[in-house]
Amino acid sequence: MTDPDGYLGDEDRRAVAGRATADDPVPVVLATDIGTDVDDTWALAQLLRTPQLDCRLVLTETGDPTYRASVAAKLLERADRTDVPIGLGPDGREMDAAERNQAPWVDEYDLDGYPGTVRDGGVEAFTEVVNRADDPVTVVSIGPTPTLATVVERHPEIARECRFVGMHGSFYEGYDGGEPDAETNVRVDPPAFRTVLAAPWRDVLLTPLDTCGHVTLDGGRYHRVWSATDDPLVRGVVENNCVFATRVSWMPYDDFTRRSSTLFDCVAVYLAHDESLVETESLRFDVTDDGVTEPSSDGEFEARVALEWGDRDAFEASLAERLLTR
């Protein structure tokens, strides 16, 4: 769990993200399973378009790292941000077609041709980024966490130099606003998530399904994004949304012309620099073997959790604006 004495006081914890400005951006490592659910792609684009955040590394999580890195690399090229290195996680298991939902977008993409840096040793790349940074690094975790678990197992003290902001868990609401669920980023590898939570991060802030599970862009906001044909980065996001929609059974075929899928991960990117639109609560909880995050007064872990929205509409409006602002 986080250090019981706290490396940041309560007021400092609430203020950390809000202090970031375009002139003094927060250094960020994005740990992502990009390429399975398209929300990671939206989140990477949002991160690249957020001047308060400085993406220092994209780190792949769980599954074929070459596939995931290819999706990230092609999007980074679209954004003209090949200065951002990509670190490959150690989990090289094969992924079935149901997990490669954006594969058609990178079918002919050659990762060896990426003009930026691709590091085979993503764990070492992570530690180098943290050690070189003048300010604490914020780890934005938007996938299962086996790579991050390996980081803190090999280098346990590295967490003391980082904040952890994650899209993880389901406390009082589950998918589609129902009963609490085993949220996917936890369910895929509960032991890895426990290992990550046990590290001595400076601060741990989570957006569970209670908040992130409600976010979409539709109507005029989505239409503006859909219509940004002269913006290569946004066009890449829309292309991926179209590919994704045709490969998942739960999204009606024509929906991709009218709305996004649920943008779970975009909330974590937002929380890396601002918390003013959510209501957070310090919560103790356990992580069960089947990936459920169960609130408990004597739970093993403790984190600040964004349990409710203060103004979700304002967030969705700002997200659309952020994506469209070059």
Protein backbone atom coordinates (compact mmCIF):
# COMPACT_ATOMS: atom_id res chain seq x y z
CA MET A 1 0.00 0.00 0.00
CA THR A 2 1.09 3.62 -0.03
CA ASP A 3 3.47 4.69 2.72
CA PRO A 4 1.34 5.13 5.88
CA ASP A 5 3.19 8.33 6.76
CA GLY A 6 2.59 9.71 3.28
CA TYR A 7 5.16 11.35 1.05
CA LEU A 8 2.61 14.05 0.26
CA GLY A 9 0.22 15.66 2.71
CA ASP A 10 -3.50 15.63 1.98
CA GLU A 11 -3.55 19.18 0.62
CA ASP A 12 -0.44 18.53 -1.47
CA ARG A 13 -1.97 15.37 -2.90
CA ARG A 14 -5.05 17.23 -4.02
CA ALA A 15 -2.97 20.05 -5.46
CA VAL A 16 -0.25 18.10 -7.27
CA ALA A 17 -2.14 17.69 -10.52
CA GLY A 18 -3.62 21.18 -10.44
CA ARG A 19 -0.19 22.83 -10.29
CA ALA A 20 0.78 21.62 -13.73
CA THR A 21 0.94 24.23 -16.47
CA ALA A 22 1.99 24.19 -20.09
CA ASP A 23 5.27 25.81 -18.99
CA ASP A 24 5.84 23.25 -16.23
CA PRO A 25 4.29 20.01 -17.50
CA VAL A 26 4.11 16.81 -15.48
CA PRO A 27 6.44 14.06 -16.78
CA VAL A 28 4.33 11.01 -17.63
CA VAL A 29 4.85 7.34 -18.41
CA LEU A 30 1.79 5.81 -20.09
CA ALA A 31 1.44 2.08 -19.31
CA THR A 32 -1.08 0.75 -21.81
CA ASP A 33 -2.57 -2.34 -23.42
CA ILE A 34 -3.34 -0.29 -26.53
CA GLY A 35 -4.80 -2.27 -29.41
CA THR A 36 -7.51 -4.24 -27.61
CA ASP A 37 -10.07 -1.63 -26.51
CA VAL A 38 -9.89 1.56 -28.55
CA ASP A 39 -10.15 3.80 -25.49
CA ASP A 40 -6.36 3.48 -25.02
CA THR A 41 -5.94 5.07 -28.45
CA TRP A 42 -8.18 7.97 -27.52
CA ALA A 43 -6.25 8.34 -24.26
CA LEU A 44 -2.86 8.44 -25.99
CA ALA A 45 -4.11 11.14 -28.36
CA GLN A 46 -5.53 13.08 -25.41
CA LEU A 47 -2.20 12.82 -23.58
CA LEU A 48 -0.29 14.10 -26.60
CA ARG A 49 -2.68 17.05 -26.87
CA THR A 50 -2.53 18.00 -23.17
CA PRO A 51 0.14 20.69 -22.67
CA GLN A 52 0.16 20.15 -18.89
CA LEU A 53 1.50 16.61 -19.48
CA ASP A 54 4.82 15.58 -20.99
CA CYS A 55 4.76 12.00 -22.28
CA ARG A 56 8.25 10.58 -21.70
CA LEU A 57 7.52 6.90 -22.51
CA VAL A 58 4.77 4.62 -23.80
CA LEU A 59 5.12 1.27 -22.02
CA THR A 60 3.28 -1.82 -23.29
CA GLU A 61 1.30 -3.97 -20.88
CA THR A 62 0.26 -7.63 -21.23
CA GLY A 63 0.27 -9.57 -24.47
CA ASP A 64 2.20 -9.22 -27.71
CA PRO A 65 4.34 -6.10 -27.19
CA THR A 66 5.19 -5.74 -30.88
CA TYR A 67 1.52 -5.52 -31.85
CA ARG A 68 0.71 -3.03 -29.11
CA ALA A 69 3.81 -0.95 -29.86
CA SER A 70 2.86 -0.85 -33.55
CA VAL A 71 -0.50 0.76 -32.77
CA ALA A 72 1.19 3.29 -30.49
CA ALA A 73 4.01 4.00 -32.94
CA LYS A 74 1.71 4.62 -35.90
CA LEU A 75 -0.35 7.04 -33.81
CA LEU A 76 2.78 8.81 -32.56
CA GLU A 77 3.86 9.24 -36.18
CA ARG A 78 0.45 10.71 -37.01
CA ALA A 79 0.96 13.17 -34.17
CA ASP A 80 4.49 14.03 -35.32
CA ARG A 81 5.68 12.90 -31.89
CA THR A 82 8.32 10.33 -32.70
CA ASP A 83 10.40 11.92 -29.94
CA VAL A 84 8.36 9.74 -27.56
CA PRO A 85 10.11 6.39 -27.00
CA ILE A 86 8.22 3.11 -26.73
CA GLY A 87 9.20 0.46 -24.19
CA LEU A 88 8.23 -3.16 -24.78
CA GLY A 89 6.93 -5.02 -21.75
CA PRO A 90 8.26 -8.49 -20.96
CA ASP A 91 4.92 -10.28 -21.43
CA GLY A 92 5.23 -11.81 -24.89
CA ARG A 93 2.25 -14.18 -24.85
CA GLU A 94 0.31 -14.66 -28.04
CA MET A 95 -2.96 -12.81 -28.39
CA ASP A 96 -6.00 -14.18 -30.16
CA ALA A 97 -7.98 -12.28 -32.77
CA ALA A 98 -10.55 -11.13 -30.20
CA GLU A 99 -7.80 -9.15 -28.43
CA ARG A 100 -6.32 -7.63 -31.60
CA ASN A 101 -9.27 -5.38 -32.30
CA GLN A 102 -7.21 -2.75 -34.12
CA ALA A 103 -5.02 -5.15 -36.09
CA PRO A 104 -6.28 -4.04 -39.54
CA TRP A 105 -5.00 -0.53 -38.82
CA VAL A 106 -1.42 -1.80 -38.47
CA ASP A 107 -1.48 -4.79 -40.84
CA GLU A 108 1.15 -3.21 -43.08
CA TYR A 109 2.94 -1.16 -40.43
CA ASP A 110 6.62 -2.01 -39.90
CA LEU A 111 7.65 -1.25 -36.32
CA ASP A 112 11.30 -1.53 -37.37
CA GLY A 113 10.71 1.53 -39.50
CA TYR A 114 9.48 3.69 -36.61
CA PRO A 115 11.73 6.76 -36.74
CA GLY A 116 11.70 7.07 -32.96
CA THR A 117 13.12 4.74 -30.31
CA VAL A 118 11.70 1.31 -29.50
CA ARG A 119 13.28 -0.32 -26.45
CA ASP A 120 13.14 -4.09 -26.03
CA GLY A 121 13.70 -3.65 -22.31
CA GLY A 122 10.68 -1.61 -21.30
CA VAL A 123 11.35 -2.11 -17.59
CA GLU A 124 14.81 -0.60 -17.88
CA ALA A 125 13.48 2.19 -20.10
CA PHE A 126 10.97 3.04 -17.36
CA THR A 127 13.64 3.28 -14.68
CA GLU A 128 15.83 5.47 -16.89
CA VAL A 129 12.96 7.90 -17.48
CA VAL A 130 12.31 8.17 -13.75
CA ASN A 131 15.98 8.56 -12.84
CA ARG A 132 16.52 11.29 -15.43
CA ALA A 133 13.44 13.31 -14.50
CA ASP A 134 13.89 16.45 -12.40
CA ASP A 135 10.35 16.13 -11.02
CA PRO A 136 8.31 13.15 -9.83
CA VAL A 137 6.99 11.10 -12.73
CA THR A 138 3.28 10.35 -12.95
CA VAL A 139 2.56 6.81 -14.10
CA VAL A 140 -0.74 6.73 -15.97
CA SER A 141 -1.81 3.08 -15.96
CA ILE A 142 -4.62 2.18 -18.37
CA GLY A 143 -4.24 -1.58 -18.73
CA PRO A 144 -3.52 -4.69 -16.72
CA THR A 145 -0.29 -4.26 -14.77
CA PRO A 146 2.21 -7.12 -15.28
CA THR A 147 4.88 -4.80 -16.70
CA LEU A 148 4.53 -2.32 -13.84
CA ALA A 149 4.58 -5.23 -11.38
CA THR A 150 7.90 -6.33 -12.89
CA VAL A 151 9.21 -2.77 -12.55
CA VAL A 152 8.48 -2.55 -8.83
CA GLU A 153 9.66 -6.11 -8.17
CA ARG A 154 13.03 -5.43 -9.80
CA HIS A 155 13.37 -1.84 -8.58
CA PRO A 156 11.17 -1.48 -5.47
CA GLU A 157 12.41 1.99 -4.58
CA ILE A 158 11.50 3.47 -7.97
CA ALA A 159 7.90 3.97 -6.86
CA ARG A 160 9.02 6.51 -4.27
CA GLU A 161 9.80 8.84 -7.16
CA CYS A 162 6.41 8.45 -8.85
CA ARG A 163 2.71 9.08 -8.54
CA PHE A 164 0.36 6.34 -9.74
CA VAL A 165 -2.85 7.29 -11.54
CA GLY A 166 -4.78 4.30 -12.77
CA MET A 167 -7.97 3.24 -14.55
CA HIS A 168 -8.67 0.27 -12.30
CA GLY A 169 -11.45 -1.28 -10.27
CA SER A 170 -15.16 -1.21 -9.62
CA PHE A 171 -16.25 -0.25 -6.12
CA TYR A 172 -19.96 0.58 -6.04
CA GLU A 173 -20.84 0.50 -9.75
CA GLY A 174 -19.89 -1.90 -12.52
CA TYR A 175 -20.14 -1.89 -16.30
CA ASP A 176 -23.16 0.02 -17.63
CA GLY A 177 -23.92 1.30 -14.13
CA GLY A 178 -24.82 -2.15 -12.77
CA GLU A 179 -23.55 -4.04 -9.76
CA PRO A 180 -19.79 -3.94 -9.07
CA ASP A 181 -17.79 -6.09 -11.48
CA ALA A 182 -14.35 -7.58 -11.79
CA GLU A 183 -13.01 -4.71 -13.91
CA THR A 184 -10.86 -5.94 -16.79
CA ASN A 185 -7.60 -4.16 -15.94
CA VAL A 186 -7.68 -5.85 -12.52
CA ARG A 187 -9.30 -9.15 -13.53
CA VAL A 188 -6.68 -10.04 -16.15
CA ASP A 189 -3.91 -10.24 -13.52
CA PRO A 190 -4.98 -9.66 -9.89
CA PRO A 191 -1.58 -10.65 -8.41
CA ALA A 192 0.17 -8.07 -10.59
CA PHE A 193 -2.26 -5.37 -9.49
CA ARG A 194 -1.69 -6.28 -5.83
CA THR A 195 2.06 -6.03 -6.38
CA VAL A 196 1.66 -2.58 -7.92
CA LEU A 197 -0.61 -1.35 -5.13
CA ALA A 198 1.86 -2.57 -2.49
CA ALA A 199 4.65 -0.39 -3.88
CA PRO A 200 5.50 2.83 -1.98
CA TRP A 201 4.12 5.34 -4.52
CA ARG A 202 4.03 8.99 -3.53
CA ASP A 203 0.30 8.96 -4.21
CA VAL A 204 -2.23 6.50 -5.64
CA LEU A 205 -5.31 7.84 -7.43
CA LEU A 206 -7.79 5.57 -9.21
CA THR A 207 -10.70 6.11 -11.55
CA PRO A 208 -12.86 2.97 -11.35
CA LEU A 209 -15.92 2.09 -13.40
CA ASP A 210 -17.91 4.23 -10.96
CA THR A 211 -16.67 7.31 -12.86
CA CYS A 212 -14.82 6.30 -16.02
CA GLY A 213 -17.54 3.87 -17.08
CA HIS A 214 -19.90 6.74 -17.90
CA VAL A 215 -17.75 8.69 -20.38
CA THR A 216 -18.50 8.88 -24.12
CA LEU A 217 -18.46 11.51 -26.83
CA ASP A 218 -21.60 11.79 -28.94
CA GLY A 219 -23.77 14.35 -30.67
CA GLY A 220 -22.08 17.55 -31.76
CA ARG A 221 -18.91 16.82 -29.82
CA TYR A 222 -18.31 13.53 -31.57
CA HIS A 223 -19.31 15.03 -34.91
CA ARG A 224 -16.58 17.67 -34.54
CA VAL A 225 -14.00 14.97 -33.87
CA TRP A 226 -15.33 12.80 -36.70
CA SER A 227 -15.15 15.75 -39.09
CA ALA A 228 -11.55 16.76 -38.34
CA THR A 229 -10.28 15.23 -41.57
CA ASP A 230 -7.31 17.60 -41.82
CA ASP A 231 -5.90 16.54 -38.44
CA PRO A 232 -3.74 13.40 -38.86
CA LEU A 233 -3.79 12.47 -35.16
CA VAL A 234 -7.55 12.80 -34.72
CA ARG A 235 -8.07 11.07 -38.04
CA GLY A 236 -6.05 8.14 -36.70
CA VAL A 237 -8.28 7.97 -33.63
CA VAL A 238 -11.44 7.98 -35.75
CA GLU A 239 -10.03 5.32 -38.08
CA ASN A 240 -9.30 3.10 -35.10
CA ASN A 241 -12.77 3.71 -33.69
CA CYS A 242 -14.26 2.56 -37.01
CA VAL A 243 -12.10 -0.56 -37.13
CA PHE A 244 -12.85 -1.38 -33.50
CA ALA A 245 -16.61 -0.97 -33.93
CA THR A 246 -16.72 -3.53 -36.72
CA ARG A 247 -14.88 -6.14 -34.63
CA VAL A 248 -16.80 -6.10 -31.34
CA SER A 249 -20.25 -7.61 -30.99
CA TRP A 250 -21.57 -5.22 -28.36
CA MET A 251 -21.28 -2.03 -30.44
CA PRO A 252 -23.94 -1.74 -33.17
CA TYR A 253 -22.29 -1.42 -36.55
CA ASP A 254 -23.47 2.09 -37.36
CA ASP A 255 -22.77 3.51 -33.88
CA PHE A 256 -19.22 4.51 -34.78
CA THR A 257 -20.62 7.24 -37.04
CA ARG A 258 -22.55 8.78 -34.14
CA ARG A 259 -20.57 8.21 -30.96
CA SER A 260 -17.40 6.92 -29.41
CA SER A 261 -17.15 3.75 -27.39
CA THR A 262 -16.83 4.20 -23.63
CA LEU A 263 -13.68 6.24 -23.01
CA PHE A 264 -12.65 4.72 -19.69
CA ASP A 265 -8.95 5.53 -20.01
CA CYS A 266 -9.36 9.20 -20.84
CA VAL A 267 -10.35 9.88 -17.24
CA ALA A 268 -7.00 8.61 -15.96
CA VAL A 269 -5.15 10.94 -18.35
CA TYR A 270 -7.26 13.84 -17.11
CA LEU A 271 -6.56 12.99 -13.46
CA ALA A 272 -2.83 13.15 -14.11
CA HIS A 273 -3.10 16.95 -14.19
CA ASP A 274 -6.50 17.97 -12.78
CA GLU A 275 -9.06 16.64 -10.30
CA SER A 276 -11.49 19.53 -10.16
CA LEU A 277 -14.33 17.77 -12.02
CA VAL A 278 -14.44 14.62 -9.86
CA GLU A 279 -15.06 13.88 -6.21
CA THR A 280 -12.42 11.71 -4.59
CA GLU A 281 -12.45 9.71 -1.39
CA SER A 282 -9.70 7.85 0.45
CA LEU A 283 -10.74 4.22 0.44
CA ARG A 284 -9.38 0.97 1.85
CA PHE A 285 -10.07 -2.20 -0.11
CA ASP A 286 -9.00 -5.72 -0.94
CA VAL A 287 -8.33 -7.26 -4.36
CA THR A 288 -9.87 -10.72 -4.66
CA ASP A 289 -8.43 -13.59 -6.67
CA ASP A 290 -11.07 -13.04 -9.35
CA GLY A 291 -10.22 -9.34 -9.67
CA VAL A 292 -12.91 -7.64 -7.62
CA THR A 293 -11.92 -4.51 -5.68
CA GLU A 294 -13.89 -4.86 -2.43
CA PRO A 295 -14.16 -1.86 -0.09
CA SER A 296 -13.27 -2.84 3.48
CA SER A 297 -12.49 -0.74 6.54
CA ASP A 298 -9.47 -2.96 7.24
CA GLY A 299 -8.59 -3.65 3.60
CA GLU A 300 -5.03 -4.41 2.58
CA PHE A 301 -4.72 -1.44 0.23
CA GLU A 302 -5.54 2.24 0.35
CA ALA A 303 -5.94 4.75 -2.45
CA ARG A 304 -7.68 7.96 -3.33
CA VAL A 305 -10.58 6.97 -5.57
CA ALA A 306 -12.65 9.15 -7.91
CA LEU A 307 -16.04 7.72 -7.02
CA GLU A 308 -18.35 10.41 -8.41
CA TRP A 309 -18.40 13.13 -11.01
CA GLY A 310 -18.71 16.74 -10.02
CA ASP A 311 -19.33 17.71 -13.66
CA ARG A 312 -19.02 14.93 -16.24
CA ASP A 313 -20.51 17.06 -19.00
CA ALA A 314 -17.75 19.62 -18.52
CA PHE A 315 -15.17 16.85 -18.75
CA GLU A 316 -16.58 15.48 -21.99
CA ALA A 317 -16.71 18.99 -23.46
CA SER A 318 -13.11 19.65 -22.46
CA LEU A 319 -12.01 16.26 -23.82
CA ALA A 320 -13.40 17.02 -27.26
CA GLU A 321 -11.80 20.44 -27.19
CA ARG A 322 -8.48 19.02 -26.07
CA LEU A 323 -8.38 16.47 -28.87
CA LEU A 324 -9.10 19.15 -31.47
CA THR A 325 -6.58 21.70 -30.20
CA ARG A 326 -3.22 21.34 -31.90
